[in-house]
Amino acid sequence: MDRNNVNLAFVNYLSRSGSTFLCRLLDEYEEVSVGIEAGFPGAIHRLIPVDYEEISDDHTLKRYLDELFGDIRFQEWKIDREVLFRKLKSGGYPLTFKDILLNCMIEYFGDATAKVFVHKAGYYIDILEDVQKTFGDTKNIFVIRDPRAIYNSQKNASCLYTGKAMGHSLPYFVWQYRKRARIVEKNKGAKNLFCIRYENLIENTQDVVAATLRFLEVRGGKKKKAGGYGDKIPANQQKLHTNVTSAPNRKSLEKWKTGLRKDEILFIQNRLSREMSAMNYVPVSLSGLSGKEWLAYIRTELTYRILQVKMLR
């Protein structure tokens, strides 16, 4: 695989929005290969721990690879560090994030012959302009889901890095959801951004997948080889994706109604009313909140306001 001929697509999302299920469906097709998640240090425009845009020598490249190969998820890509180092070095300095990502994907996918290689990169939607500047006509997919359902799922899932619940902070979740929803709204209609509503994916799976394949400009022929995306998910991540190989389950769409407290539902609906309305998520009527629930709501509201101030600094 030639890095100059790699067609990339990024799947963007908030954790627990259904992106892994989408990736499993896309990976069933011959012209699409989807990788597992990995935590690449830095971002499109900034390499960490190297605090500038390019890597210009062996020493700084080794520093970056120390950080990269220390990532729990990247380790599961099973890439030979020395092979990667030699390939990156042979390409000539300076190296950019694009050089690193493309070479890693080439090593990961090996001799795969798919037309499009998909990288799960949740937060890339936050820096969509940088992604477009760096990768040009790369396709970007964003998975939309009812914020109440996402937060409910996050409360019941543990972060691979910290072991804590993903949904440990409702104020931060709401802030993050609003930020990404507004980026999507701002870029609505952009030719390289395709939004998928998770609820539609569950209820009309074939139609949504077909539309996604058209966006990726690939044909709909399925792979003949055994195995699938579920087999790619490493053991340390299996518990986060127990239903990835299952058939679409409509019952999962409303689990939040019994999984969230009234104060949590009320806070999400109040703070994300604009975003929910734009995405056609209907608020539920709540009544009879107890004094304890109102106190919890007020505490969450105060914490959110403090967070807003911090994020504006």
Protein backbone atom coordinates (compact mmCIF):
# COMPACT_ATOMS: atom_id res chain seq x y z
CA MET A 1 0.00 0.00 0.00
CA ASP A 2 1.42 3.38 -1.07
CA ARG A 3 0.88 6.20 1.43
CA ASN A 4 0.42 8.60 -1.49
CA ASN A 5 -2.60 6.60 -2.68
CA VAL A 6 -4.36 6.08 0.65
CA ASN A 7 -7.97 7.28 0.74
CA LEU A 8 -8.77 8.10 4.35
CA ALA A 9 -12.06 8.56 6.13
CA PHE A 10 -12.48 9.54 9.77
CA VAL A 11 -15.37 8.43 11.98
CA ASN A 12 -16.02 11.13 14.59
CA TYR A 13 -18.18 10.68 17.66
CA LEU A 14 -18.77 11.07 21.35
CA SER A 15 -17.96 7.90 23.27
CA ARG A 16 -20.94 5.52 23.45
CA SER A 17 -22.73 7.06 20.49
CA GLY A 18 -22.72 3.89 18.38
CA SER A 19 -19.59 4.47 16.30
CA THR A 20 -18.24 0.95 16.83
CA PHE A 21 -21.48 -0.57 15.57
CA LEU A 22 -21.26 1.63 12.46
CA CYS A 23 -17.63 0.62 11.92
CA ARG A 24 -18.55 -3.04 12.16
CA LEU A 25 -21.18 -2.58 9.44
CA LEU A 26 -18.82 -0.65 7.15
CA ASP A 27 -16.02 -3.16 7.61
CA GLU A 28 -18.21 -5.86 6.05
CA TYR A 29 -17.65 -4.37 2.59
CA GLU A 30 -14.79 -5.21 0.24
CA GLU A 31 -13.78 -1.65 -0.55
CA VAL A 32 -13.70 -0.52 3.10
CA SER A 33 -11.27 -1.46 5.87
CA VAL A 34 -11.84 -0.08 9.36
CA GLY A 35 -9.16 0.05 12.03
CA ILE A 36 -9.56 -0.17 15.78
CA GLU A 37 -9.19 2.93 17.93
CA ALA A 38 -5.82 4.28 19.00
CA GLY A 39 -4.68 7.25 21.02
CA PHE A 40 -2.25 9.21 18.88
CA PRO A 41 -0.47 11.80 21.02
CA GLY A 42 -1.18 15.39 20.11
CA ALA A 43 -3.54 16.50 17.39
CA ILE A 44 -3.47 17.34 13.72
CA HIS A 45 -1.73 20.65 14.31
CA ARG A 46 0.41 19.87 17.35
CA LEU A 47 2.66 16.94 18.18
CA ILE A 48 3.02 15.98 21.84
CA PRO A 49 5.45 15.80 23.64
CA VAL A 50 7.18 17.60 20.78
CA ASP A 51 5.66 21.05 21.14
CA TYR A 52 5.82 22.13 17.52
CA GLU A 53 4.35 21.19 14.17
CA GLU A 54 7.12 19.03 12.74
CA ILE A 55 9.65 16.39 13.79
CA SER A 56 13.05 17.25 12.38
CA ASP A 57 15.48 14.64 13.72
CA ASP A 58 15.88 11.12 15.10
CA HIS A 59 15.84 12.27 18.71
CA THR A 60 12.46 14.00 18.54
CA LEU A 61 11.02 11.16 16.49
CA LYS A 62 12.03 8.68 19.20
CA ARG A 63 10.44 10.92 21.83
CA TYR A 64 7.19 10.92 19.90
CA LEU A 65 7.28 7.15 19.42
CA ASP A 66 7.88 6.70 23.17
CA GLU A 67 4.59 8.48 23.77
CA LEU A 68 2.76 6.72 20.94
CA PHE A 69 3.80 3.19 21.87
CA GLY A 70 2.92 3.92 25.49
CA ASP A 71 -0.74 4.29 24.54
CA ILE A 72 -2.83 1.29 25.62
CA ARG A 73 -4.97 1.27 22.49
CA PHE A 74 -2.16 1.89 20.01
CA GLN A 75 -0.27 -1.08 21.43
CA GLU A 76 -3.08 -3.28 20.09
CA TRP A 77 -2.22 -2.24 16.54
CA LYS A 78 0.72 -4.67 16.89
CA ILE A 79 3.10 -2.50 14.86
CA ASP A 80 6.84 -3.14 15.03
CA ARG A 81 8.37 0.02 16.47
CA GLU A 82 11.74 -0.35 14.75
CA VAL A 83 10.12 -0.99 11.38
CA LEU A 84 7.95 2.10 11.82
CA PHE A 85 10.94 4.19 12.93
CA ARG A 86 12.95 3.20 9.86
CA LYS A 87 10.07 3.87 7.48
CA LEU A 88 9.35 7.28 8.96
CA LYS A 89 13.04 8.19 8.90
CA SER A 90 13.47 7.00 5.32
CA GLY A 91 10.70 9.36 4.21
CA GLY A 92 12.90 12.27 5.19
CA TYR A 93 12.55 15.02 7.76
CA PRO A 94 10.63 17.04 8.74
CA LEU A 95 7.78 14.70 9.64
CA THR A 96 4.24 15.87 10.27
CA PHE A 97 1.26 14.25 11.96
CA LYS A 98 -0.01 13.23 8.52
CA ASP A 99 3.22 11.32 7.82
CA ILE A 100 2.96 9.50 11.14
CA LEU A 101 -0.71 8.58 10.84
CA LEU A 102 -0.49 7.38 7.23
CA ASN A 103 2.57 5.24 7.90
CA CYS A 104 0.95 3.73 10.97
CA MET A 105 -2.18 2.88 9.00
CA ILE A 106 -0.12 1.33 6.21
CA GLU A 107 1.64 -0.88 8.75
CA TYR A 108 -1.66 -1.72 10.47
CA PHE A 109 -3.61 -2.63 7.35
CA GLY A 110 -0.67 -4.40 5.71
CA ASP A 111 -1.50 -5.63 2.22
CA ALA A 112 -5.22 -4.83 2.43
CA THR A 113 -6.62 -3.72 -0.91
CA ALA A 114 -9.61 -1.68 0.22
CA LYS A 115 -10.36 1.59 -1.57
CA VAL A 116 -11.02 3.50 1.67
CA PHE A 117 -9.33 3.07 5.04
CA VAL A 118 -11.34 4.27 8.01
CA HIS A 119 -9.78 5.62 11.19
CA LYS A 120 -11.89 6.01 14.33
CA ALA A 121 -10.99 9.46 15.59
CA GLY A 122 -13.67 10.76 17.91
CA TYR A 123 -12.30 14.19 18.74
CA TYR A 124 -11.20 15.11 15.19
CA ILE A 125 -14.55 16.84 14.78
CA ASP A 126 -13.26 19.40 17.30
CA ILE A 127 -10.49 20.39 14.88
CA LEU A 128 -12.33 19.80 11.62
CA GLU A 129 -10.68 22.76 9.88
CA ASP A 130 -7.21 21.43 10.72
CA VAL A 131 -8.19 17.98 9.48
CA GLN A 132 -9.30 19.41 6.14
CA LYS A 133 -6.18 21.53 5.78
CA THR A 134 -3.92 18.60 6.58
CA PHE A 135 -5.65 15.79 4.72
CA GLY A 136 -7.44 17.64 1.95
CA ASP A 137 -10.48 15.79 0.61
CA THR A 138 -10.63 13.25 3.41
CA LYS A 139 -14.18 12.15 4.26
CA ASN A 140 -15.51 12.81 7.77
CA ILE A 141 -18.43 10.95 9.31
CA PHE A 142 -20.04 12.12 12.54
CA VAL A 143 -22.36 9.88 14.56
CA ILE A 144 -25.25 11.74 16.20
CA ARG A 145 -27.21 10.22 19.09
CA ASP A 146 -29.71 11.37 21.69
CA PRO A 147 -27.56 12.96 24.43
CA ARG A 148 -29.66 11.29 27.13
CA ALA A 149 -28.88 7.88 25.66
CA ILE A 150 -25.17 8.64 25.31
CA TYR A 151 -24.81 9.83 28.88
CA ASN A 152 -26.73 6.86 30.21
CA SER A 153 -24.36 4.54 28.36
CA GLN A 154 -21.31 6.48 29.53
CA LYS A 155 -22.40 6.08 33.16
CA ASN A 156 -22.29 2.32 32.68
CA ALA A 157 -18.97 2.10 30.84
CA SER A 158 -15.46 2.45 32.21
CA CYS A 159 -12.69 4.47 30.61
CA LEU A 160 -9.87 2.22 29.40
CA TYR A 161 -7.24 4.68 30.65
CA THR A 162 -8.57 5.62 34.10
CA GLY A 163 -10.94 2.82 35.04
CA LYS A 164 -13.51 5.46 36.03
CA ALA A 165 -16.99 5.73 34.54
CA MET A 166 -16.95 7.63 31.24
CA GLY A 167 -19.96 9.58 32.47
CA HIS A 168 -18.33 10.73 35.70
CA SER A 169 -19.21 14.40 35.00
CA LEU A 170 -22.57 15.41 33.58
CA PRO A 171 -21.53 19.11 33.21
CA TYR A 172 -18.48 18.15 31.15
CA PHE A 173 -20.53 15.75 29.01
CA VAL A 174 -23.08 18.49 28.23
CA TRP A 175 -20.32 20.99 27.43
CA GLN A 176 -18.64 18.52 25.09
CA TYR A 177 -21.89 17.49 23.39
CA ARG A 178 -22.85 21.13 22.79
CA LYS A 179 -19.42 21.96 21.39
CA ARG A 180 -19.47 19.13 18.84
CA ALA A 181 -23.12 19.64 17.93
CA ARG A 182 -22.44 23.28 17.11
CA ILE A 183 -19.39 22.42 15.01
CA VAL A 184 -21.59 20.05 13.03
CA GLU A 185 -24.28 22.73 12.70
CA LYS A 186 -21.68 25.24 11.47
CA ASN A 187 -20.44 22.80 8.82
CA LYS A 188 -23.86 21.57 7.76
CA GLY A 189 -23.88 20.95 4.04
CA ALA A 190 -20.09 20.62 3.73
CA LYS A 191 -19.30 18.09 1.01
CA ASN A 192 -16.81 16.14 3.13
CA LEU A 193 -18.96 15.84 6.26
CA PHE A 194 -21.67 13.20 6.56
CA CYS A 195 -23.81 12.93 9.68
CA ILE A 196 -25.42 9.67 10.72
CA ARG A 197 -28.22 9.62 13.27
CA TYR A 198 -27.74 6.53 15.41
CA GLU A 199 -31.46 6.01 15.83
CA ASN A 200 -31.85 5.90 12.03
CA LEU A 201 -28.97 3.44 11.81
CA ILE A 202 -30.78 1.10 14.20
CA GLU A 203 -34.23 1.47 12.63
CA ASN A 204 -33.19 1.60 8.94
CA THR A 205 -29.81 -0.10 8.93
CA GLN A 206 -29.56 -1.03 5.26
CA ASP A 207 -30.62 2.40 3.98
CA VAL A 208 -28.20 4.27 6.25
CA VAL A 209 -25.28 1.99 5.39
CA ALA A 210 -26.04 2.35 1.68
CA ALA A 211 -26.06 6.14 2.00
CA THR A 212 -22.75 6.01 3.88
CA LEU A 213 -21.15 3.87 1.18
CA ARG A 214 -22.27 6.39 -1.43
CA PHE A 215 -20.69 9.17 0.61
CA LEU A 216 -17.44 7.18 0.75
CA GLU A 217 -17.75 6.56 -3.00
CA VAL A 218 -17.39 2.80 -2.72
CA ARG A 219 -19.40 -0.10 -4.04
CA GLY A 220 -21.61 -2.33 -1.93
CA GLY A 221 -20.01 -5.71 -2.48
CA LYS A 222 -19.43 -7.59 0.78
CA LYS A 223 -16.26 -9.39 1.84
CA LYS A 224 -16.14 -13.13 1.35
CA LYS A 225 -13.49 -13.92 3.96
CA ALA A 226 -14.44 -15.13 7.43
CA GLY A 227 -14.09 -12.88 10.44
CA GLY A 228 -15.21 -9.35 10.97
CA TYR A 229 -14.73 -6.14 12.88
CA GLY A 230 -15.68 -7.77 16.17
CA ASP A 231 -12.63 -10.02 15.84
CA LYS A 232 -10.36 -6.97 15.58
CA ILE A 233 -11.42 -5.56 18.95
CA PRO A 234 -8.72 -6.52 21.51
CA ALA A 235 -9.48 -8.30 24.76
CA ASN A 236 -8.97 -5.21 26.90
CA GLN A 237 -11.75 -3.43 24.99
CA GLN A 238 -14.22 -6.28 24.52
CA LYS A 239 -16.30 -5.35 27.56
CA LEU A 240 -16.96 -1.92 26.07
CA HIS A 241 -18.43 -3.43 22.89
CA THR A 242 -20.39 -6.47 23.98
CA ASN A 243 -23.21 -5.85 21.49
CA VAL A 244 -21.14 -4.83 18.47
CA THR A 245 -21.78 -8.09 16.60
CA SER A 246 -25.47 -8.29 17.55
CA ALA A 247 -28.41 -7.36 15.37
CA PRO A 248 -29.82 -3.82 15.75
CA ASN A 249 -31.88 -3.58 18.93
CA ARG A 250 -34.56 -0.88 19.08
CA LYS A 251 -35.01 -1.45 22.80
CA SER A 252 -31.57 0.08 23.35
CA LEU A 253 -32.84 3.46 22.15
CA GLU A 254 -34.90 4.11 25.27
CA LYS A 255 -32.81 2.56 28.04
CA TRP A 256 -32.00 6.04 29.28
CA LYS A 257 -35.60 6.50 30.43
CA THR A 258 -35.02 4.07 33.28
CA GLY A 259 -31.25 4.50 33.57
CA LEU A 260 -31.09 8.25 34.30
CA ARG A 261 -32.36 10.16 37.29
CA LYS A 262 -34.98 12.87 36.76
CA ASP A 263 -32.51 15.63 37.64
CA GLU A 264 -30.05 14.32 35.03
CA ILE A 265 -32.71 14.20 32.33
CA LEU A 266 -33.93 17.68 33.22
CA PHE A 267 -30.41 19.15 33.14
CA ILE A 268 -29.61 17.60 29.74
CA GLN A 269 -32.92 18.76 28.27
CA ASN A 270 -32.56 22.30 29.60
CA ARG A 271 -28.92 22.83 28.69
CA LEU A 272 -29.11 21.08 25.32
CA SER A 273 -32.59 22.22 24.28
CA ARG A 274 -31.33 23.94 21.12
CA GLU A 275 -29.19 20.99 20.06
CA MET A 276 -31.89 18.43 20.78
CA SER A 277 -34.47 20.45 18.86
CA ALA A 278 -32.17 20.74 15.83
CA MET A 279 -31.65 16.97 15.86
CA ASN A 280 -35.33 16.16 16.48
CA TYR A 281 -34.90 14.68 19.94
CA VAL A 282 -38.11 15.28 21.86
CA PRO A 283 -37.90 16.26 25.55
CA VAL A 284 -39.95 14.25 28.02
CA SER A 285 -42.23 15.88 30.56
CA LEU A 286 -40.93 15.59 34.10
CA SER A 287 -42.87 16.17 37.28
CA GLY A 288 -42.62 15.37 40.93
CA LEU A 289 -38.89 15.91 41.44
CA SER A 290 -38.00 15.34 45.07
CA GLY A 291 -36.10 17.85 47.15
CA LYS A 292 -33.02 15.67 46.83
CA GLU A 293 -33.34 15.66 43.04
CA TRP A 294 -33.74 19.43 42.90
CA LEU A 295 -30.66 19.84 45.05
CA ALA A 296 -28.70 17.56 42.72
CA TYR A 297 -29.93 19.59 39.74
CA ILE A 298 -28.81 22.88 41.32
CA ARG A 299 -25.38 21.45 42.13
CA THR A 300 -24.96 20.24 38.55
CA GLU A 301 -26.02 23.65 37.23
CA LEU A 302 -23.49 25.46 39.44
CA THR A 303 -20.71 23.07 38.41
CA TYR A 304 -21.59 23.62 34.77
CA ARG A 305 -21.39 27.40 35.10
CA ILE A 306 -17.96 27.14 36.72
CA LEU A 307 -16.84 24.84 33.89
CA GLN A 308 -18.04 27.33 31.29
CA VAL A 309 -15.90 30.04 32.85
CA LYS A 310 -12.85 27.77 32.89
CA MET A 311 -13.29 26.77 29.26
CA LEU A 312 -13.52 30.40 28.17
CA ARG A 313 -10.13 31.23 29.66
